[in-house]
Amino acid sequence: IKSGDRPESDEYFETNCVDFYDVPIWAMLSSFGTLVALVAAWFAIRQSNRQLEIEQTPYVVLDHIKRIDNSRYGFSIRNIGNGPAVHVTFCTSNNESDRDNNFFSKDQSHSVNLIPHEITQYWEADGERLDNLVHDKEGFDCLYIFFESQPGGLYMTKAKIERIVNNNNDAGYKVVENKFSKLRGGVGV
């Protein structure tokens, strides 16, 4: 049939178009197999991203606190994770919106970036900042360390510290526990 010779009725459609029953079974199975492969690939990529996040997650802990002079204390932190920690900040509350409030002395940097397994020198804070820390249920003072991973995950470490008073009535502090928590994810599909 030439293009100008087509009939006006549905006869052309009915005789020249393939319907469902004319499709070979192997073509349908191939289409179904393609969909199954697509779903399997999506699950594999998702699992790969989860594994990458686990392997590259930073984990920042409060290593120790040292008295610098009569009124100041030094804080040393360590990234014990396998990924770099970005925008590491200290806070007196576990509220994420307070993380950019300056905890350290005004002459100190507010945040730092840490490569994996790096330990910092001392960040200094006035002793009165430690006197105003919130106690947890167990009676420990708590500091909160917020940090991010390169893919954009946000994490927090709750550092429990204990106030130790010696015979001269001088106060010192000992790190009791560092508890890690993930606030929001980074890599993901």
Protein backbone atom coordinates (compact mmCIF):
# COMPACT_ATOMS: atom_id res chain seq x y z
CA ILE A 1 0.00 0.00 0.00
CA LYS A 2 1.41 3.37 -0.94
CA SER A 3 0.99 6.30 1.38
CA GLY A 4 -1.60 7.89 -0.85
CA ASP A 5 -3.50 4.59 -1.22
CA ARG A 6 -4.29 4.06 2.49
CA PRO A 7 -7.90 3.25 3.20
CA GLU A 8 -9.91 5.56 5.42
CA SER A 9 -11.05 2.83 7.79
CA ASP A 10 -9.33 1.00 10.67
CA GLU A 11 -8.54 -1.85 8.29
CA TYR A 12 -4.95 -0.63 7.81
CA PHE A 13 -4.32 -0.54 11.57
CA GLU A 14 -5.79 -3.96 12.18
CA THR A 15 -3.83 -5.73 9.46
CA ASN A 16 -0.43 -3.99 9.70
CA CYS A 17 0.17 -3.35 13.44
CA VAL A 18 1.48 -5.93 15.88
CA ASP A 19 -0.78 -6.62 18.82
CA PHE A 20 0.09 -8.14 22.17
CA TYR A 21 -0.35 -11.74 21.01
CA ASP A 22 2.11 -11.30 18.13
CA VAL A 23 5.04 -10.29 20.43
CA PRO A 24 7.43 -13.21 20.91
CA ILE A 25 7.76 -14.51 24.46
CA TRP A 26 11.53 -13.94 24.43
CA ALA A 27 10.98 -10.19 23.82
CA MET A 28 8.70 -9.98 26.87
CA LEU A 29 11.15 -11.93 29.00
CA SER A 30 13.97 -9.70 27.86
CA SER A 31 12.02 -6.61 28.92
CA PHE A 32 11.25 -8.17 32.29
CA GLY A 33 14.92 -9.14 32.72
CA THR A 34 15.97 -5.56 31.98
CA LEU A 35 13.67 -4.28 34.74
CA VAL A 36 15.03 -6.86 37.20
CA ALA A 37 18.61 -5.82 36.30
CA LEU A 38 17.71 -2.15 36.84
CA VAL A 39 16.31 -2.86 40.30
CA ALA A 40 19.36 -4.99 41.21
CA ALA A 41 21.73 -2.23 40.03
CA TRP A 42 19.86 0.35 42.13
CA PHE A 43 20.15 -1.84 45.25
CA ALA A 44 23.88 -2.44 44.57
CA ILE A 45 24.59 1.29 44.22
CA ARG A 46 22.62 2.01 47.39
CA GLN A 47 24.56 -0.62 49.35
CA SER A 48 27.85 0.63 47.93
CA ASN A 49 27.05 4.17 49.10
CA ARG A 50 26.19 2.90 52.59
CA GLN A 51 29.46 1.00 52.77
CA LEU A 52 31.37 4.07 51.59
CA GLU A 53 29.75 6.17 54.28
CA ILE A 54 30.63 3.61 56.96
CA GLU A 55 34.25 3.45 55.81
CA GLN A 56 34.67 7.23 55.47
CA THR A 57 32.82 8.45 58.57
CA PRO A 58 34.86 10.67 60.88
CA TYR A 59 34.62 10.08 64.62
CA VAL A 60 35.83 12.98 66.74
CA VAL A 61 36.39 12.43 70.45
CA LEU A 62 37.54 14.61 73.32
CA ASP A 63 40.95 13.14 74.07
CA HIS A 64 41.80 15.02 77.27
CA ILE A 65 41.54 18.32 79.13
CA LYS A 66 44.60 20.01 80.55
CA ARG A 67 44.86 22.98 82.89
CA ILE A 68 46.77 25.76 81.09
CA ASP A 69 46.87 28.27 83.95
CA ASN A 70 44.68 29.26 86.91
CA SER A 71 41.75 30.33 84.78
CA ARG A 72 42.08 28.44 81.49
CA TYR A 73 41.80 24.86 80.32
CA GLY A 74 43.04 23.29 77.12
CA PHE A 75 41.01 20.78 75.13
CA SER A 76 42.57 18.20 72.86
CA ILE A 77 40.40 16.36 70.35
CA ARG A 78 41.19 13.44 68.08
CA ASN A 79 39.59 12.13 64.90
CA ILE A 80 39.68 8.36 65.37
CA GLY A 81 37.54 7.76 62.25
CA ASN A 82 38.70 6.95 58.73
CA GLY A 83 37.30 10.05 57.06
CA PRO A 84 38.14 13.73 57.42
CA ALA A 85 36.08 15.76 59.92
CA VAL A 86 34.99 19.16 58.65
CA HIS A 87 33.80 22.17 60.69
CA VAL A 88 34.43 20.65 64.12
CA THR A 89 32.86 22.81 66.85
CA PHE A 90 32.22 22.55 70.60
CA CYS A 91 28.89 23.36 72.21
CA THR A 92 27.39 23.30 75.71
CA SER A 93 24.07 21.87 74.44
CA ASN A 94 23.06 19.10 72.08
CA ASN A 95 21.01 21.55 70.02
CA GLU A 96 22.38 21.71 66.47
CA SER A 97 21.34 25.36 66.08
CA ASP A 98 23.69 26.35 68.95
CA ARG A 99 26.77 24.72 67.41
CA ASP A 100 28.14 27.99 66.01
CA ASN A 101 28.10 29.77 69.38
CA ASN A 102 31.69 30.39 70.38
CA PHE A 103 32.78 28.03 73.16
CA PHE A 104 36.49 28.81 73.25
CA SER A 105 38.29 31.99 74.21
CA LYS A 106 37.93 34.86 71.77
CA ASP A 107 41.57 34.55 70.67
CA GLN A 108 40.96 30.91 69.61
CA SER A 109 39.60 29.52 66.36
CA HIS A 110 35.94 28.53 66.60
CA SER A 111 36.19 25.49 64.32
CA VAL A 112 38.81 23.20 62.86
CA ASN A 113 39.10 20.51 60.19
CA LEU A 114 40.77 17.20 61.05
CA ILE A 115 42.24 14.56 58.79
CA PRO A 116 41.78 10.90 59.84
CA HIS A 117 43.63 9.97 63.05
CA GLU A 118 44.76 13.56 63.68
CA ILE A 119 44.98 14.93 67.21
CA THR A 120 44.77 18.68 67.82
CA GLN A 121 46.85 20.85 70.04
CA TYR A 122 44.99 22.59 72.82
CA TRP A 123 42.00 24.79 72.21
CA GLU A 124 41.70 27.03 75.23
CA ALA A 125 38.58 28.00 77.16
CA ASP A 126 38.05 29.96 80.33
CA GLY A 127 37.37 27.90 83.44
CA GLU A 128 34.03 29.61 83.99
CA ARG A 129 32.78 28.05 80.72
CA LEU A 130 33.29 24.65 82.34
CA ASP A 131 31.56 25.73 85.53
CA ASN A 132 28.37 26.39 83.53
CA LEU A 133 28.12 22.98 81.84
CA VAL A 134 24.87 21.03 82.03
CA HIS A 135 24.90 17.82 84.08
CA ASP A 136 23.43 14.62 82.69
CA LYS A 137 21.34 12.08 84.64
CA GLU A 138 24.47 10.40 85.96
CA GLY A 139 25.92 13.67 87.32
CA PHE A 140 28.61 14.15 84.66
CA ASP A 141 29.25 17.44 82.89
CA CYS A 142 28.64 17.20 79.15
CA LEU A 143 30.28 18.85 76.17
CA TYR A 144 28.99 18.33 72.64
CA ILE A 145 31.29 18.14 69.62
CA PHE A 146 29.60 18.67 66.26
CA PHE A 147 31.34 17.77 63.01
CA GLU A 148 30.60 16.98 59.39
CA SER A 149 31.92 14.49 56.87
CA GLN A 150 33.01 15.52 53.38
CA PRO A 151 29.87 14.03 51.77
CA GLY A 152 27.77 16.24 54.08
CA GLY A 153 26.78 13.99 56.98
CA LEU A 154 26.36 15.70 60.37
CA TYR A 155 27.52 13.93 63.52
CA MET A 156 27.77 14.67 67.22
CA THR A 157 29.88 13.31 70.05
CA LYS A 158 28.60 13.71 73.59
CA ALA A 159 31.67 13.91 75.82
CA LYS A 160 31.03 13.20 79.47
CA ILE A 161 33.60 14.78 81.75
CA GLU A 162 34.10 14.47 85.47
CA ARG A 163 35.26 17.30 87.70
CA ILE A 164 38.11 16.23 89.94
CA VAL A 165 39.10 18.37 92.93
CA ASN A 166 42.50 17.80 94.54
CA ASN A 167 43.71 18.66 98.07
CA ASN A 168 44.46 22.28 97.10
CA ASN A 169 40.86 22.76 95.98
CA ASP A 170 42.06 23.03 92.37
CA ALA A 171 39.61 21.62 89.90
CA GLY A 172 40.65 19.41 87.04
CA TYR A 173 38.62 17.46 84.51
CA LYS A 174 38.78 13.90 83.26
CA VAL A 175 37.09 12.56 80.12
CA VAL A 176 34.82 9.69 81.10
CA GLU A 177 33.02 8.78 77.88
CA ASN A 178 32.60 9.85 74.25
CA LYS A 179 29.25 8.83 72.72
CA PHE A 180 28.94 9.12 68.94
CA SER A 181 25.66 9.76 67.13
CA LYS A 182 24.66 10.48 63.54
CA LEU A 183 22.31 13.44 63.13
CA ARG A 184 21.82 13.26 59.36
CA GLY A 185 23.34 11.30 56.51
CA GLY A 186 25.75 12.27 53.80
CA VAL A 187 26.08 9.79 50.93
CA GLY A 188 22.94 8.07 49.79
CA VAL A 189 20.66 7.18 46.94
